[in-house]
């Protein structure tokens, strides 16, 4: 007998990121709390104040 397991990714919405300017005009936005760390690098689009991430993409 085999069991099938379907794990759906969980999501979290985080807000108020830290902003850091990188070389070449890119911007690094860091969304972090005591459990999760997510980063977003953009060149021309404004940073969203809040963003939803898949918890499986956690960088911590």
N, C-alpha and C. Protein backbone atom coordinates (compact mmCIF):
# COMPACT_ATOMS: atom_id res chain seq x y z
N UNK A 1 0.84 -1.18 0.00
CA UNK A 1 0.00 0.00 0.00
C UNK A 1 0.88 1.23 0.00
N UNK A 2 0.61 2.17 -0.90
CA UNK A 2 1.39 3.42 -0.93
C UNK A 2 0.46 4.58 -0.62
N UNK A 3 1.02 5.56 0.03
CA UNK A 3 0.25 6.75 0.38
C UNK A 3 0.72 7.92 -0.48
N UNK A 4 -0.19 8.67 -1.01
CA UNK A 4 0.15 9.87 -1.76
C UNK A 4 0.04 11.07 -0.84
N UNK A 5 1.00 11.96 -0.96
CA UNK A 5 1.01 13.14 -0.12
C UNK A 5 1.10 14.37 -1.01
N UNK A 6 0.17 15.29 -0.86
CA UNK A 6 0.16 16.51 -1.65
C UNK A 6 0.36 17.69 -0.71
N UNK A 7 1.54 18.29 -0.76
CA UNK A 7 1.83 19.42 0.12
C UNK A 7 1.65 20.72 -0.65
N UNK A 8 0.68 21.48 -0.26
CA UNK A 8 0.45 22.78 -0.89
C UNK A 8 1.35 23.82 -0.22
N UNK A 9 1.90 24.69 -1.02
CA UNK A 9 2.77 25.74 -0.48
C UNK A 9 1.93 26.73 0.32
N UNK A 10 2.46 27.11 1.47
CA UNK A 10 1.81 28.13 2.29
C UNK A 10 2.31 29.49 1.85
N UNK A 11 1.53 30.51 2.15
CA UNK A 11 1.92 31.86 1.77
C UNK A 11 1.89 32.77 2.98
N UNK A 12 2.69 33.83 2.91
CA UNK A 12 2.72 34.85 3.95
C UNK A 12 2.81 36.21 3.27
N UNK A 13 2.10 37.17 3.81
CA UNK A 13 2.18 38.54 3.32
C UNK A 13 3.00 39.35 4.31
N UNK A 14 4.02 40.02 3.79
CA UNK A 14 4.90 40.82 4.64
C UNK A 14 4.89 42.26 4.14
N UNK A 15 5.22 43.20 5.02
CA UNK A 15 5.17 44.61 4.64
C UNK A 15 6.35 45.38 5.22
N UNK A 16 6.45 46.63 4.79
CA UNK A 16 7.45 47.58 5.27
C UNK A 16 8.88 47.07 5.09
N UNK A 17 9.32 46.86 3.84
CA UNK A 17 10.66 46.32 3.61
C UNK A 17 11.77 47.34 3.85
N UNK A 18 12.97 46.84 4.14
CA UNK A 18 14.17 47.68 4.16
C UNK A 18 14.62 47.86 2.72
N UNK A 19 15.16 49.02 2.39
CA UNK A 19 15.59 49.33 1.03
C UNK A 19 17.08 49.63 1.01
N UNK A 20 17.78 49.06 0.02
CA UNK A 20 19.21 49.32 -0.14
C UNK A 20 19.50 49.51 -1.62
N UNK A 21 20.26 50.56 -1.95
CA UNK A 21 20.62 50.80 -3.35
C UNK A 21 21.87 50.00 -3.70
N UNK A 22 21.82 49.30 -4.83
CA UNK A 22 22.94 48.50 -5.30
C UNK A 22 23.61 49.20 -6.48
N UNK A 23 24.77 48.70 -6.87
CA UNK A 23 25.45 49.25 -8.05
C UNK A 23 24.58 49.05 -9.29
N UNK A 24 24.72 49.96 -10.23
CA UNK A 24 23.98 49.86 -11.47
C UNK A 24 22.55 50.34 -11.38
N UNK A 25 22.20 51.02 -10.29
CA UNK A 25 20.86 51.56 -10.15
C UNK A 25 19.80 50.58 -9.69
N UNK A 26 20.20 49.37 -9.33
CA UNK A 26 19.24 48.39 -8.83
C UNK A 26 18.93 48.67 -7.36
N UNK A 27 17.75 48.24 -6.95
CA UNK A 27 17.33 48.40 -5.56
C UNK A 27 17.06 47.02 -4.96
N UNK A 28 17.52 46.81 -3.75
CA UNK A 28 17.30 45.57 -3.01
C UNK A 28 16.32 45.86 -1.89
N UNK A 29 15.22 45.11 -1.88
CA UNK A 29 14.22 45.24 -0.82
C UNK A 29 14.23 43.96 0.00
N UNK A 30 14.29 44.11 1.32
CA UNK A 30 14.34 42.96 2.22
C UNK A 30 13.11 42.98 3.12
N UNK A 31 12.35 41.90 3.02
CA UNK A 31 11.18 41.69 3.89
C UNK A 31 11.61 40.62 4.90
N UNK A 32 11.57 40.95 6.19
CA UNK A 32 12.09 40.00 7.17
C UNK A 32 11.31 40.09 8.48
N UNK A 33 11.12 38.94 9.10
CA UNK A 33 10.64 38.88 10.47
C UNK A 33 11.45 37.81 11.19
N UNK A 34 11.05 37.40 12.37
CA UNK A 34 11.85 36.44 13.13
C UNK A 34 11.90 35.05 12.51
N UNK A 35 11.00 34.76 11.56
CA UNK A 35 10.93 33.43 10.95
C UNK A 35 11.35 33.45 9.49
N UNK A 36 10.96 34.48 8.76
CA UNK A 36 11.13 34.49 7.30
C UNK A 36 12.02 35.63 6.83
N UNK A 37 12.70 35.40 5.70
CA UNK A 37 13.49 36.41 5.02
C UNK A 37 13.27 36.25 3.52
N UNK A 38 12.83 37.33 2.88
CA UNK A 38 12.62 37.34 1.43
C UNK A 38 13.27 38.59 0.87
N UNK A 39 13.87 38.49 -0.30
CA UNK A 39 14.47 39.64 -0.94
C UNK A 39 13.89 39.82 -2.33
N UNK A 40 13.88 41.06 -2.76
CA UNK A 40 13.37 41.42 -4.08
C UNK A 40 14.32 42.46 -4.66
N UNK A 41 14.85 42.20 -5.85
CA UNK A 41 15.74 43.14 -6.53
C UNK A 41 15.01 43.69 -7.75
N UNK A 42 14.98 45.01 -7.89
CA UNK A 42 14.32 45.62 -9.04
C UNK A 42 15.22 46.70 -9.61
N UNK A 43 14.97 47.03 -10.84
CA UNK A 43 15.71 48.12 -11.47
C UNK A 43 14.81 49.34 -11.63
N UNK A 44 13.60 49.13 -12.06
CA UNK A 44 12.78 50.29 -12.38
C UNK A 44 11.41 50.28 -11.72
N UNK A 45 10.98 49.16 -11.19
CA UNK A 45 9.64 49.16 -10.61
C UNK A 45 9.71 49.53 -9.13
N UNK A 46 8.73 50.30 -8.67
CA UNK A 46 8.72 50.68 -7.26
C UNK A 46 8.46 49.46 -6.37
N UNK A 47 8.98 49.54 -5.19
CA UNK A 47 8.83 48.43 -4.24
C UNK A 47 7.43 48.42 -3.66
N UNK A 48 6.79 47.27 -3.67
CA UNK A 48 5.48 47.18 -3.01
C UNK A 48 5.64 47.25 -1.50
N UNK A 49 4.79 48.03 -0.85
CA UNK A 49 4.84 48.13 0.61
C UNK A 49 4.57 46.78 1.25
N UNK A 50 3.62 46.02 0.69
CA UNK A 50 3.37 44.67 1.17
C UNK A 50 3.39 43.72 -0.02
N UNK A 51 3.86 42.51 0.24
CA UNK A 51 4.01 41.52 -0.82
C UNK A 51 3.76 40.14 -0.23
N UNK A 52 3.14 39.27 -1.03
CA UNK A 52 2.87 37.90 -0.59
C UNK A 52 3.91 36.97 -1.19
N UNK A 53 4.48 36.12 -0.35
CA UNK A 53 5.52 35.18 -0.74
C UNK A 53 5.08 33.76 -0.42
N UNK A 54 5.63 32.78 -1.15
CA UNK A 54 5.47 31.37 -0.78
C UNK A 54 6.50 31.09 0.32
N UNK A 55 6.06 30.49 1.40
CA UNK A 55 6.97 30.21 2.51
C UNK A 55 8.09 29.26 2.11
N UNK A 56 7.89 28.47 1.07
CA UNK A 56 8.96 27.57 0.61
C UNK A 56 10.12 28.33 0.00
N UNK A 57 9.95 29.61 -0.32
CA UNK A 57 11.01 30.44 -0.87
C UNK A 57 11.79 31.18 0.21
N UNK A 58 11.56 30.87 1.46
CA UNK A 58 12.23 31.49 2.59
C UNK A 58 13.74 31.38 2.45
N UNK A 59 14.47 32.48 2.71
CA UNK A 59 15.92 32.50 2.56
C UNK A 59 16.66 32.31 3.88
N UNK A 60 15.97 32.14 4.99
CA UNK A 60 16.65 31.92 6.27
C UNK A 60 17.00 30.48 6.44
